[in-house]
Amino acid sequence: MFAKSSAVGVKSSPSSPSWPSTPSVPSTPSTPSAPSRPSSPSQAINTTPTDASIIRLKKSFFNVVMFNRNLIFSWKQIYLDQHFSALTQYRA
């Protein structure tokens, strides 16, 4: 049993040098991704807005405006309903 425990201890000691090797593995994928990063901004500079992108932008802006408008009207309606219900209670 002592021999097995010593063998486990020997196995655990090589695992500690393996930890420095694991950070080196992510460094290799990062090097190919570095050249790809400058290419994407250059493509973004060269792209011109198409009609479809302009229409999508207008639709999204319209949806935001309408959502805020409906939100304001719904709160106004809740406030007015509470106000008039209080008036009708006093009259009745």
C-alpha atoms as a PDB file:
ATOM      1  CA  MET A   1       0.000   0.000   0.000  1.00  0.00           C
ATOM      2  CA  PHE A   2       2.836   2.376   0.731  1.00  0.00           C
ATOM      3  CA  ALA A   3       4.353   1.589  -2.644  1.00  0.00           C
ATOM      4  CA  LYS A   4       1.061   2.485  -4.377  1.00  0.00           C
ATOM      5  CA  SER A   5       0.773   5.765  -2.499  1.00  0.00           C
ATOM      6  CA  SER A   6       4.346   6.663  -3.422  1.00  0.00           C
ATOM      7  CA  ALA A   7       3.543   5.885  -7.059  1.00  0.00           C
ATOM      8  CA  VAL A   8       0.547   8.240  -6.874  1.00  0.00           C
ATOM      9  CA  GLY A   9       2.832  10.923  -5.472  1.00  0.00           C
ATOM     10  CA  VAL A  10       5.249  10.400  -8.350  1.00  0.00           C
ATOM     11  CA  LYS A  11       2.404  10.745 -10.853  1.00  0.00           C
ATOM     12  CA  SER A  12       1.180  13.952  -9.255  1.00  0.00           C
ATOM     13  CA  SER A  13       4.620  15.600  -9.404  1.00  0.00           C
ATOM     14  CA  PRO A  14       4.837  15.447 -13.255  1.00  0.00           C
ATOM     15  CA  SER A  15       1.384  17.004 -13.420  1.00  0.00           C
ATOM     16  CA  SER A  16       2.733  20.230 -11.917  1.00  0.00           C
ATOM     17  CA  PRO A  17       5.126  20.818 -14.877  1.00  0.00           C
ATOM     18  CA  SER A  18       2.206  20.114 -17.211  1.00  0.00           C
ATOM     19  CA  TRP A  19       0.367  23.257 -15.981  1.00  0.00           C
ATOM     20  CA  PRO A  20       2.850  25.684 -17.637  1.00  0.00           C
ATOM     21  CA  SER A  21       2.411  23.770 -20.901  1.00  0.00           C
ATOM     22  CA  THR A  22      -1.369  24.336 -20.942  1.00  0.00           C
ATOM     23  CA  PRO A  23      -1.147  28.176 -21.239  1.00  0.00           C
ATOM     24  CA  SER A  24       1.186  27.708 -24.219  1.00  0.00           C
ATOM     25  CA  VAL A  25      -1.579  25.776 -26.040  1.00  0.00           C
ATOM     26  CA  PRO A  26      -4.030  28.750 -26.145  1.00  0.00           C
ATOM     27  CA  SER A  27      -1.180  31.018 -27.305  1.00  0.00           C
ATOM     28  CA  THR A  28      -0.878  29.083 -30.593  1.00  0.00           C
ATOM     29  CA  PRO A  29      -4.530  29.694 -31.678  1.00  0.00           C
ATOM     30  CA  SER A  30      -4.202  33.376 -30.751  1.00  0.00           C
ATOM     31  CA  THR A  31      -1.347  33.893 -33.238  1.00  0.00           C
ATOM     32  CA  PRO A  32      -3.411  32.928 -36.337  1.00  0.00           C
ATOM     33  CA  SER A  33      -6.329  35.026 -35.102  1.00  0.00           C
ATOM     34  CA  ALA A  34      -4.116  38.136 -34.883  1.00  0.00           C
ATOM     35  CA  PRO A  35      -3.689  38.471 -38.687  1.00  0.00           C
ATOM     36  CA  SER A  36      -7.408  37.937 -39.206  1.00  0.00           C
ATOM     37  CA  ARG A  37      -8.299  40.875 -36.939  1.00  0.00           C
ATOM     38  CA  PRO A  38      -6.817  43.622 -39.172  1.00  0.00           C
ATOM     39  CA  SER A  39      -8.628  42.190 -42.201  1.00  0.00           C
ATOM     40  CA  SER A  40     -12.085  42.629 -40.641  1.00  0.00           C
ATOM     41  CA  PRO A  41     -11.757  46.428 -40.025  1.00  0.00           C
ATOM     42  CA  SER A  42     -10.520  46.915 -43.586  1.00  0.00           C
ATOM     43  CA  GLN A  43     -13.603  45.102 -44.849  1.00  0.00           C
ATOM     44  CA  ALA A  44     -15.792  47.263 -42.624  1.00  0.00           C
ATOM     45  CA  ILE A  45     -14.198  50.426 -44.057  1.00  0.00           C
ATOM     46  CA  ASN A  46     -14.770  49.263 -47.641  1.00  0.00           C
ATOM     47  CA  THR A  47     -18.411  48.256 -47.121  1.00  0.00           C
ATOM     48  CA  THR A  48     -21.043  50.785 -48.159  1.00  0.00           C
ATOM     49  CA  PRO A  49     -24.575  50.746 -46.708  1.00  0.00           C
ATOM     50  CA  THR A  50     -26.958  48.872 -48.952  1.00  0.00           C
ATOM     51  CA  ASP A  51     -30.665  49.518 -49.329  1.00  0.00           C
ATOM     52  CA  ALA A  52     -31.440  46.435 -47.265  1.00  0.00           C
ATOM     53  CA  SER A  53     -29.267  47.618 -44.372  1.00  0.00           C
ATOM     54  CA  ILE A  54     -30.871  51.092 -44.482  1.00  0.00           C
ATOM     55  CA  ILE A  55     -34.355  49.561 -44.451  1.00  0.00           C
ATOM     56  CA  ARG A  56     -33.375  47.304 -41.533  1.00  0.00           C
ATOM     57  CA  LEU A  57     -32.064  50.336 -39.636  1.00  0.00           C
ATOM     58  CA  LYS A  58     -35.261  52.290 -40.271  1.00  0.00           C
ATOM     59  CA  LYS A  59     -37.420  49.371 -39.163  1.00  0.00           C
ATOM     60  CA  SER A  60     -35.457  48.893 -35.947  1.00  0.00           C
ATOM     61  CA  PHE A  61     -35.635  52.629 -35.176  1.00  0.00           C
ATOM     62  CA  PHE A  62     -39.386  52.620 -35.884  1.00  0.00           C
ATOM     63  CA  ASN A  63     -39.864  49.621 -33.582  1.00  0.00           C
ATOM     64  CA  VAL A  64     -37.986  51.361 -30.767  1.00  0.00           C
ATOM     65  CA  VAL A  65     -40.030  54.546 -31.173  1.00  0.00           C
ATOM     66  CA  MET A  66     -43.339  52.688 -31.299  1.00  0.00           C
ATOM     67  CA  PHE A  67     -42.418  50.582 -28.270  1.00  0.00           C
ATOM     68  CA  ASN A  68     -41.618  53.692 -26.218  1.00  0.00           C
ATOM     69  CA  ARG A  69     -44.785  55.385 -27.478  1.00  0.00           C
ATOM     70  CA  ASN A  70     -46.944  52.430 -26.476  1.00  0.00           C
ATOM     71  CA  LEU A  71     -45.199  52.256 -23.126  1.00  0.00           C
ATOM     72  CA  ILE A  72     -45.926  55.941 -22.402  1.00  0.00           C
ATOM     73  CA  PHE A  73     -49.555  55.620 -23.500  1.00  0.00           C
ATOM     74  CA  SER A  74     -50.091  52.507 -21.407  1.00  0.00           C
ATOM     75  CA  TRP A  75     -48.752  54.252 -18.294  1.00  0.00           C
ATOM     76  CA  LYS A  76     -50.861  57.307 -19.041  1.00  0.00           C
ATOM     77  CA  GLN A  77     -53.926  55.098 -19.445  1.00  0.00           C
ATOM     78  CA  ILE A  78     -53.242  53.353 -16.120  1.00  0.00           C
ATOM     79  CA  TYR A  79     -52.860  56.722 -14.397  1.00  0.00           C
ATOM     80  CA  LEU A  80     -56.054  58.123 -15.942  1.00  0.00           C
ATOM     81  CA  ASP A  81     -58.036  54.979 -15.120  1.00  0.00           C
ATOM     82  CA  GLN A  82     -56.998  55.230 -11.483  1.00  0.00           C
ATOM     83  CA  HIS A  83     -57.759  58.951 -11.418  1.00  0.00           C
ATOM     84  CA  PHE A  84     -61.241  58.632 -12.950  1.00  0.00           C
ATOM     85  CA  SER A  85     -62.087  55.583 -10.858  1.00  0.00           C
ATOM     86  CA  ALA A  86     -61.329  57.680  -7.783  1.00  0.00           C
ATOM     87  CA  LEU A  87     -63.619  60.473  -9.102  1.00  0.00           C
ATOM     88  CA  THR A  88     -66.462  58.068  -9.817  1.00  0.00           C
ATOM     89  CA  GLN A  89     -66.172  56.620  -6.317  1.00  0.00           C
ATOM     90  CA  TYR A  90     -66.635  60.072  -4.803  1.00  0.00           C
ATOM     91  CA  ARG A  91     -69.606  60.893  -7.038  1.00  0.00           C
ATOM     92  CA  ALA A  92     -71.399  57.618  -6.320  1.00  0.00           C
END
